[in-house]
């Protein structure tokens, strides 16, 4: 018998967003999620779909990471 408290049925909406950072790719993801959470409730997961960056004087200048974010619908 399945306990409904352990596994619930959900319907998810998925959006694609891009975050940037001059620190790291992880920080770019964190920036994107933090900003999305300002206006979207029930964020549950993310998938990195693309990582890019810019170079200045032979060094990484800025990270840009595109993610798909899933959130449950009310």
PDB file of N, CA and C in Angstrom:
ATOM      1  N   UNK A   1       0.841  -1.179   0.000  1.00  0.00           N
ATOM      2  CA  UNK A   1       0.000   0.000   0.000  1.00  0.00           C
ATOM      3  C   UNK A   1       0.888   1.245   0.000  1.00  0.00           C
ATOM      4  N   UNK A   2       0.610   2.161  -0.892  1.00  0.00           N
ATOM      5  CA  UNK A   2       1.393   3.381  -1.037  1.00  0.00           C
ATOM      6  C   UNK A   2       0.897   4.439  -0.067  1.00  0.00           C
ATOM      7  N   UNK A   3       1.822   5.029   0.661  1.00  0.00           N
ATOM      8  CA  UNK A   3       1.483   6.102   1.584  1.00  0.00           C
ATOM      9  C   UNK A   3       1.437   7.412   0.808  1.00  0.00           C
ATOM     10  N   UNK A   4       0.295   8.065   0.751  1.00  0.00           N
ATOM     11  CA  UNK A   4       0.141   9.300  -0.015  1.00  0.00           C
ATOM     12  C   UNK A   4       0.991  10.443   0.527  1.00  0.00           C
ATOM     13  N   UNK A   5       1.441  10.354   1.774  1.00  0.00           N
ATOM     14  CA  UNK A   5       2.292  11.404   2.323  1.00  0.00           C
ATOM     15  C   UNK A   5       3.711  11.326   1.762  1.00  0.00           C
ATOM     16  N   UNK A   6       4.095  10.147   1.265  1.00  0.00           N
ATOM     17  CA  UNK A   6       5.443   9.967   0.730  1.00  0.00           C
ATOM     18  C   UNK A   6       5.506  10.411  -0.724  1.00  0.00           C
ATOM     19  N   UNK A   7       4.515  10.042  -1.522  1.00  0.00           N
ATOM     20  CA  UNK A   7       4.536  10.372  -2.942  1.00  0.00           C
ATOM     21  C   UNK A   7       3.191  10.961  -3.336  1.00  0.00           C
ATOM     22  N   UNK A   8       3.216  12.179  -3.798  1.00  0.00           N
ATOM     23  CA  UNK A   8       1.997  12.849  -4.224  1.00  0.00           C
ATOM     24  C   UNK A   8       2.026  13.042  -5.730  1.00  0.00           C
ATOM     25  N   UNK A   9       0.842  13.098  -6.326  1.00  0.00           N
ATOM     26  CA  UNK A   9       0.744  13.413  -7.744  1.00  0.00           C
ATOM     27  C   UNK A   9       0.867  14.917  -7.914  1.00  0.00           C
ATOM     28  N   UNK A  10       1.676  15.359  -8.874  1.00  0.00           N
ATOM     29  CA  UNK A  10       1.863  16.779  -9.134  1.00  0.00           C
ATOM     30  C   UNK A  10       1.763  17.046 -10.625  1.00  0.00           C
ATOM     31  N   UNK A  11       1.396  18.254 -10.954  1.00  0.00           N
ATOM     32  CA  UNK A  11       1.482  18.758 -12.312  1.00  0.00           C
ATOM     33  C   UNK A  11       2.476  19.909 -12.259  1.00  0.00           C
ATOM     34  N   UNK A  12       3.442  19.886 -13.166  1.00  0.00           N
ATOM     35  CA  UNK A  12       4.497  20.890 -13.164  1.00  0.00           C
ATOM     36  C   UNK A  12       4.402  21.791 -14.387  1.00  0.00           C
ATOM     37  N   UNK A  13       4.711  23.044 -14.206  1.00  0.00           N
ATOM     38  CA  UNK A  13       4.927  23.999 -15.283  1.00  0.00           C
ATOM     39  C   UNK A  13       6.427  24.178 -15.381  1.00  0.00           C
ATOM     40  N   UNK A  14       6.949  24.247 -16.602  1.00  0.00           N
ATOM     41  CA  UNK A  14       8.384  24.398 -16.805  1.00  0.00           C
ATOM     42  C   UNK A  14       8.647  25.703 -17.555  1.00  0.00           C
ATOM     43  N   UNK A  15       9.595  26.482 -17.039  1.00  0.00           N
ATOM     44  CA  UNK A  15      10.020  27.705 -17.722  1.00  0.00           C
ATOM     45  C   UNK A  15      11.526  27.639 -17.943  1.00  0.00           C
ATOM     46  N   UNK A  16      12.015  28.450 -18.855  1.00  0.00           N
ATOM     47  CA  UNK A  16      13.445  28.527 -19.120  1.00  0.00           C
ATOM     48  C   UNK A  16      13.927  29.930 -18.783  1.00  0.00           C
ATOM     49  N   UNK A  17      14.987  30.004 -17.984  1.00  0.00           N
ATOM     50  CA  UNK A  17      15.541  31.293 -17.584  1.00  0.00           C
ATOM     51  C   UNK A  17      17.064  31.227 -17.665  1.00  0.00           C
ATOM     52  N   UNK A  18      17.698  32.392 -17.695  1.00  0.00           N
ATOM     53  CA  UNK A  18      19.158  32.466 -17.755  1.00  0.00           C
ATOM     54  C   UNK A  18      19.657  33.374 -16.645  1.00  0.00           C
ATOM     55  N   UNK A  19      20.619  32.870 -15.877  1.00  0.00           N
ATOM     56  CA  UNK A  19      21.250  33.652 -14.823  1.00  0.00           C
ATOM     57  C   UNK A  19      22.689  33.962 -15.193  1.00  0.00           C
ATOM     58  N   UNK A  20      23.214  35.049 -14.646  1.00  0.00           N
ATOM     59  CA  UNK A  20      24.603  35.418 -14.900  1.00  0.00           C
ATOM     60  C   UNK A  20      25.345  35.666 -13.586  1.00  0.00           C
ATOM     61  N   UNK A  21      26.666  35.561 -13.660  1.00  0.00           N
ATOM     62  CA  UNK A  21      27.501  35.837 -12.491  1.00  0.00           C
ATOM     63  C   UNK A  21      28.934  36.055 -12.947  1.00  0.00           C
ATOM     64  N   UNK A  22      29.637  36.901 -12.237  1.00  0.00           N
ATOM     65  CA  UNK A  22      31.069  37.043 -12.509  1.00  0.00           C
ATOM     66  C   UNK A  22      31.893  36.168 -11.560  1.00  0.00           C
ATOM     67  N   UNK A  23      31.216  35.374 -10.714  1.00  0.00           N
ATOM     68  CA  UNK A  23      31.905  34.501  -9.758  1.00  0.00           C
ATOM     69  C   UNK A  23      32.066  33.072 -10.262  1.00  0.00           C
ATOM     70  N   UNK A  24      30.927  32.426 -10.653  1.00  0.00           N
ATOM     71  CA  UNK A  24      30.974  31.018 -11.058  1.00  0.00           C
ATOM     72  C   UNK A  24      29.678  30.621 -11.757  1.00  0.00           C
ATOM     73  N   UNK A  25      29.703  29.461 -12.403  1.00  0.00           N
ATOM     74  CA  UNK A  25      28.485  28.951 -13.033  1.00  0.00           C
ATOM     75  C   UNK A  25      27.447  28.592 -11.969  1.00  0.00           C
ATOM     76  N   UNK A  26      27.890  28.046 -10.845  1.00  0.00           N
ATOM     77  CA  UNK A  26      26.959  27.735  -9.755  1.00  0.00           C
ATOM     78  C   UNK A  26      26.271  29.004  -9.247  1.00  0.00           C
ATOM     79  N   UNK A  27      27.021  30.059  -9.131  1.00  0.00           N
ATOM     80  CA  UNK A  27      26.455  31.321  -8.660  1.00  0.00           C
ATOM     81  C   UNK A  27      25.452  31.875  -9.678  1.00  0.00           C
ATOM     82  N   UNK A  28      25.707  31.666 -10.961  1.00  0.00           N
ATOM     83  CA  UNK A  28      24.759  32.087 -11.997  1.00  0.00           C
ATOM     84  C   UNK A  28      23.437  31.339 -11.849  1.00  0.00           C
ATOM     85  N   UNK A  29      23.508  30.036 -11.557  1.00  0.00           N
ATOM     86  CA  UNK A  29      22.297  29.239 -11.312  1.00  0.00           C
ATOM     87  C   UNK A  29      21.576  29.767 -10.075  1.00  0.00           C
ATOM     88  N   UNK A  30      22.307  29.997  -9.011  1.00  0.00           N
ATOM     89  CA  UNK A  30      21.703  30.508  -7.776  1.00  0.00           C
ATOM     90  C   UNK A  30      21.039  31.863  -8.006  1.00  0.00           C
ATOM     91  N   UNK A  31      21.657  32.727  -8.789  1.00  0.00           N
ATOM     92  CA  UNK A  31      21.049  34.027  -9.109  1.00  0.00           C
ATOM     93  C   UNK A  31      19.738  33.856  -9.865  1.00  0.00           C
ATOM     94  N   UNK A  32      19.728  32.953 -10.836  1.00  0.00           N
ATOM     95  CA  UNK A  32      18.509  32.717 -11.623  1.00  0.00           C
ATOM     96  C   UNK A  32      17.383  32.189 -10.742  1.00  0.00           C
ATOM     97  N   UNK A  33      17.689  31.227  -9.887  1.00  0.00           N
ATOM     98  CA  UNK A  33      16.667  30.637  -9.017  1.00  0.00           C
ATOM     99  C   UNK A  33      16.171  31.655  -7.992  1.00  0.00           C
ATOM    100  N   UNK A  34      17.078  32.429  -7.420  1.00  0.00           N
ATOM    101  CA  UNK A  34      16.673  33.440  -6.436  1.00  0.00           C
ATOM    102  C   UNK A  34      15.732  34.457  -7.064  1.00  0.00           C
ATOM    103  N   UNK A  35      16.056  34.891  -8.270  1.00  0.00           N
ATOM    104  CA  UNK A  35      15.198  35.881  -8.946  1.00  0.00           C
ATOM    105  C   UNK A  35      13.842  35.278  -9.307  1.00  0.00           C
ATOM    106  N   UNK A  36      13.850  34.042  -9.807  1.00  0.00           N
ATOM    107  CA  UNK A  36      12.587  33.379 -10.161  1.00  0.00           C
ATOM    108  C   UNK A  36      11.705  33.190  -8.935  1.00  0.00           C
ATOM    109  N   UNK A  37      12.318  32.899  -7.792  1.00  0.00           N
ATOM    110  CA  UNK A  37      11.529  32.667  -6.580  1.00  0.00           C
ATOM    111  C   UNK A  37      10.870  33.941  -6.059  1.00  0.00           C
ATOM    112  N   UNK A  38      11.333  35.103  -6.537  1.00  0.00           N
ATOM    113  CA  UNK A  38      10.683  36.364  -6.159  1.00  0.00           C
ATOM    114  C   UNK A  38       9.267  36.459  -6.711  1.00  0.00           C
ATOM    115  N   UNK A  39       9.011  35.838  -7.856  1.00  0.00           N
ATOM    116  CA  UNK A  39       7.696  35.968  -8.493  1.00  0.00           C
ATOM    117  C   UNK A  39       6.990  34.651  -8.763  1.00  0.00           C
ATOM    118  N   UNK A  40       7.659  33.527  -8.550  1.00  0.00           N
ATOM    119  CA  UNK A  40       7.051  32.216  -8.809  1.00  0.00           C
ATOM    120  C   UNK A  40       7.099  31.387  -7.533  1.00  0.00           C
ATOM    121  N   UNK A  41       5.947  30.853  -7.157  1.00  0.00           N
ATOM    122  CA  UNK A  41       5.867  29.999  -5.967  1.00  0.00           C
ATOM    123  C   UNK A  41       6.076  28.537  -6.351  1.00  0.00           C
ATOM    124  N   UNK A  42       6.391  27.740  -5.382  1.00  0.00           N
ATOM    125  CA  UNK A  42       6.452  26.276  -5.510  1.00  0.00           C
ATOM    126  C   UNK A  42       7.533  25.781  -6.463  1.00  0.00           C
ATOM    127  N   UNK A  43       8.668  26.482  -6.540  1.00  0.00           N
ATOM    128  CA  UNK A  43       9.782  25.972  -7.339  1.00  0.00           C
ATOM    129  C   UNK A  43      10.238  24.647  -6.753  1.00  0.00           C
ATOM    130  N   UNK A  44      10.479  23.635  -7.610  1.00  0.00           N
ATOM    131  CA  UNK A  44      10.810  22.305  -7.114  1.00  0.00           C
ATOM    132  C   UNK A  44      12.126  21.749  -7.635  1.00  0.00           C
ATOM    133  N   UNK A  45      12.485  22.050  -8.896  1.00  0.00           N
ATOM    134  CA  UNK A  45      13.697  21.457  -9.465  1.00  0.00           C
ATOM    135  C   UNK A  45      14.191  22.308 -10.620  1.00  0.00           C
ATOM    136  N   UNK A  46      15.428  22.026 -11.043  1.00  0.00           N
ATOM    137  CA  UNK A  46      15.985  22.695 -12.214  1.00  0.00           C
ATOM    138  C   UNK A  46      16.897  21.743 -12.966  1.00  0.00           C
ATOM    139  N   UNK A  47      17.078  22.028 -14.252  1.00  0.00           N
ATOM    140  CA  UNK A  47      18.006  21.304 -15.110  1.00  0.00           C
ATOM    141  C   UNK A  47      18.830  22.330 -15.871  1.00  0.00           C
ATOM    142  N   UNK A  48      20.145  22.177 -15.839  1.00  0.00           N
ATOM    143  CA  UNK A  48      21.010  23.065 -16.609  1.00  0.00           C
ATOM    144  C   UNK A  48      20.956  22.625 -18.069  1.00  0.00           C
ATOM    145  N   UNK A  49      20.611  23.551 -18.960  1.00  0.00           N
ATOM    146  CA  UNK A  49      20.516  23.217 -20.379  1.00  0.00           C
ATOM    147  C   UNK A  49      21.661  23.790 -21.205  1.00  0.00           C
ATOM    148  N   UNK A  50      22.281  24.863 -20.712  1.00  0.00           N
ATOM    149  CA  UNK A  50      23.379  25.462 -21.462  1.00  0.00           C
ATOM    150  C   UNK A  50      24.244  26.300 -20.527  1.00  0.00           C
ATOM    151  N   UNK A  51      25.548  26.244 -20.745  1.00  0.00           N
ATOM    152  CA  UNK A  51      26.494  27.070 -19.990  1.00  0.00           C
ATOM    153  C   UNK A  51      27.368  27.816 -20.985  1.00  0.00           C
ATOM    154  N   UNK A  52      27.450  29.119 -20.787  1.00  0.00           N
ATOM    155  CA  UNK A  52      28.264  29.979 -21.644  1.00  0.00           C
ATOM    156  C   UNK A  52      29.057  30.938 -20.769  1.00  0.00           C
ATOM    157  N   UNK A  53      29.957  31.634 -21.384  1.00  0.00           N
ATOM    158  CA  UNK A  53      30.691  32.657 -20.649  1.00  0.00           C
ATOM    159  C   UNK A  53      31.380  33.611 -21.586  1.00  0.00           C
ATOM    160  N   UNK A  54      31.840  34.705 -21.018  1.00  0.00           N
ATOM    161  CA  UNK A  54      32.616  35.661 -21.799  1.00  0.00           C
ATOM    162  C   UNK A  54      34.041  35.683 -21.257  1.00  0.00           C
ATOM    163  N   UNK A  55      34.947  36.055 -22.147  1.00  0.00           N
ATOM    164  CA  UNK A  55      36.373  36.057 -21.828  1.00  0.00           C
ATOM    165  C   UNK A  55      36.901  37.478 -21.991  1.00  0.00           C
ATOM    166  N   UNK A  56      37.722  37.895 -21.033  1.00  0.00           N
ATOM    167  CA  UNK A  56      38.368  39.202 -21.109  1.00  0.00           C
ATOM    168  C   UNK A  56      39.824  39.037 -20.696  1.00  0.00           C
ATOM    169  N   UNK A  57      40.736  39.445 -21.539  1.00  0.00           N
ATOM    170  CA  UNK A  57      42.181  39.365 -21.265  1.00  0.00           C
ATOM    171  C   UNK A  57      42.615  37.949 -20.906  1.00  0.00           C
ATOM    172  N   UNK A  58      42.043  36.966 -21.599  1.00  0.00           N
ATOM    173  CA  UNK A  58      42.446  35.580 -21.386  1.00  0.00           C
ATOM    174  C   UNK A  58      41.885  34.920 -20.149  1.00  0.00           C
ATOM    175  N   UNK A  59      40.914  35.563 -19.482  1.00  0.00           N
ATOM    176  CA  UNK A  59      40.303  35.000 -18.273  1.00  0.00           C
ATOM    177  C   UNK A  59      38.785  35.030 -18.395  1.00  0.00           C
ATOM    178  N   UNK A  60      38.147  34.131 -17.658  1.00  0.00           N
ATOM    179  CA  UNK A  60      36.683  34.122 -17.628  1.00  0.00           C
ATOM    180  C   UNK A  60      36.214  35.417 -16.990  1.00  0.00           C
ATOM    181  N   UNK A  61      35.374  36.138 -17.720  1.00  0.00           N
ATOM    182  CA  UNK A  61      34.859  37.418 -17.236  1.00  0.00           C
ATOM    183  C   UNK A  61      33.490  37.257 -16.594  1.00  0.00           C
ATOM    184  N   UNK A  62      32.629  36.463 -17.216  1.00  0.00           N
ATOM    185  CA  UNK A  62      31.258  36.299 -16.717  1.00  0.00           C
ATOM    186  C   UNK A  62      30.709  34.954 -17.166  1.00  0.00           C
ATOM    187  N   UNK A  63      29.949  34.325 -16.276  1.00  0.00           N
ATOM    188  CA  UNK A  63      29.247  33.079 -16.569  1.00  0.00           C
ATOM    189  C   UNK A  63      27.800  33.387 -16.910  1.00  0.00           C
ATOM    190  N   UNK A  64      27.248  32.613 -17.835  1.00  0.00           N
ATOM    191  CA  UNK A  64      25.830  32.718 -18.192  1.00  0.00           C
ATOM    192  C   UNK A  64      25.299  31.290 -18.300  1.00  0.00           C
ATOM    193  N   UNK A  65      24.310  30.960 -17.464  1.00  0.00           N
ATOM    194  CA  UNK A  65      23.786  29.598 -17.408  1.00  0.00           C
ATOM    195  C   UNK A  65      22.278  29.623 -17.638  1.00  0.00           C
ATOM    196  N   UNK A  66      21.824  28.836 -18.607  1.00  0.00           N
ATOM    197  CA  UNK A  66      20.402  28.705 -18.892  1.00  0.00           C
ATOM    198  C   UNK A  66      19.897  27.444 -18.219  1.00  0.00           C
ATOM    199  N   UNK A  67      18.780  27.559 -17.517  1.00  0.00           N
ATOM    200  CA  UNK A  67      18.188  26.432 -16.806  1.00  0.00           C
ATOM    201  C   UNK A  67      16.697  26.331 -17.120  1.00  0.00           C
ATOM    202  N   UNK A  68      16.185  25.121 -17.029  1.00  0.00           N
ATOM    203  CA  UNK A  68      14.750  24.909 -17.029  1.00  0.00           C
ATOM    204  C   UNK A  68      14.359  24.698 -15.572  1.00  0.00           C
ATOM    205  N   UNK A  69      13.319  25.398 -15.132  1.00  0.00           N
ATOM    206  CA  UNK A  69      12.876  25.338 -13.752  1.00  0.00           C
ATOM    207  C   UNK A  69      11.466  24.774 -13.734  1.00  0.00           C
ATOM    208  N   UNK A  70      11.227  23.810 -12.861  1.00  0.00           N
ATOM    209  CA  UNK A  70       9.899  23.230 -12.716  1.00  0.00           C
ATOM    210  C   UNK A  70       9.256  23.681 -11.417  1.00  0.00           C
ATOM    211  N   UNK A  71       7.976  24.017 -11.491  1.00  0.00           N
ATOM    212  CA  UNK A  71       7.245  24.374 -10.278  1.00  0.00           C
ATOM    213  C   UNK A  71       5.860  23.755 -10.326  1.00  0.00           C
ATOM    214  N   UNK A  72       5.342  23.432  -9.145  1.00  0.00           N
ATOM    215  CA  UNK A  72       4.024  22.816  -9.079  1.00  0.00           C
ATOM    216  C   UNK A  72       2.953  23.878  -9.263  1.00  0.00           C
ATOM    217  N   UNK A  73       1.902  23.466  -9.940  1.00  0.00           N
ATOM    218  CA  UNK A  73       0.781  24.366 -10.199  1.00  0.00           C
ATOM    219  C   UNK A  73      -0.252  24.212  -9.083  1.00  0.00           C
ATOM    220  N   UNK A  74      -0.863  25.317  -8.695  1.00  0.00           N
ATOM    221  CA  UNK A  74      -1.887  25.284  -7.645  1.00  0.00           C
ATOM    222  C   UNK A  74      -3.201  24.798  -8.193  1.00  0.00           C
TER     223      UNK A  74
END
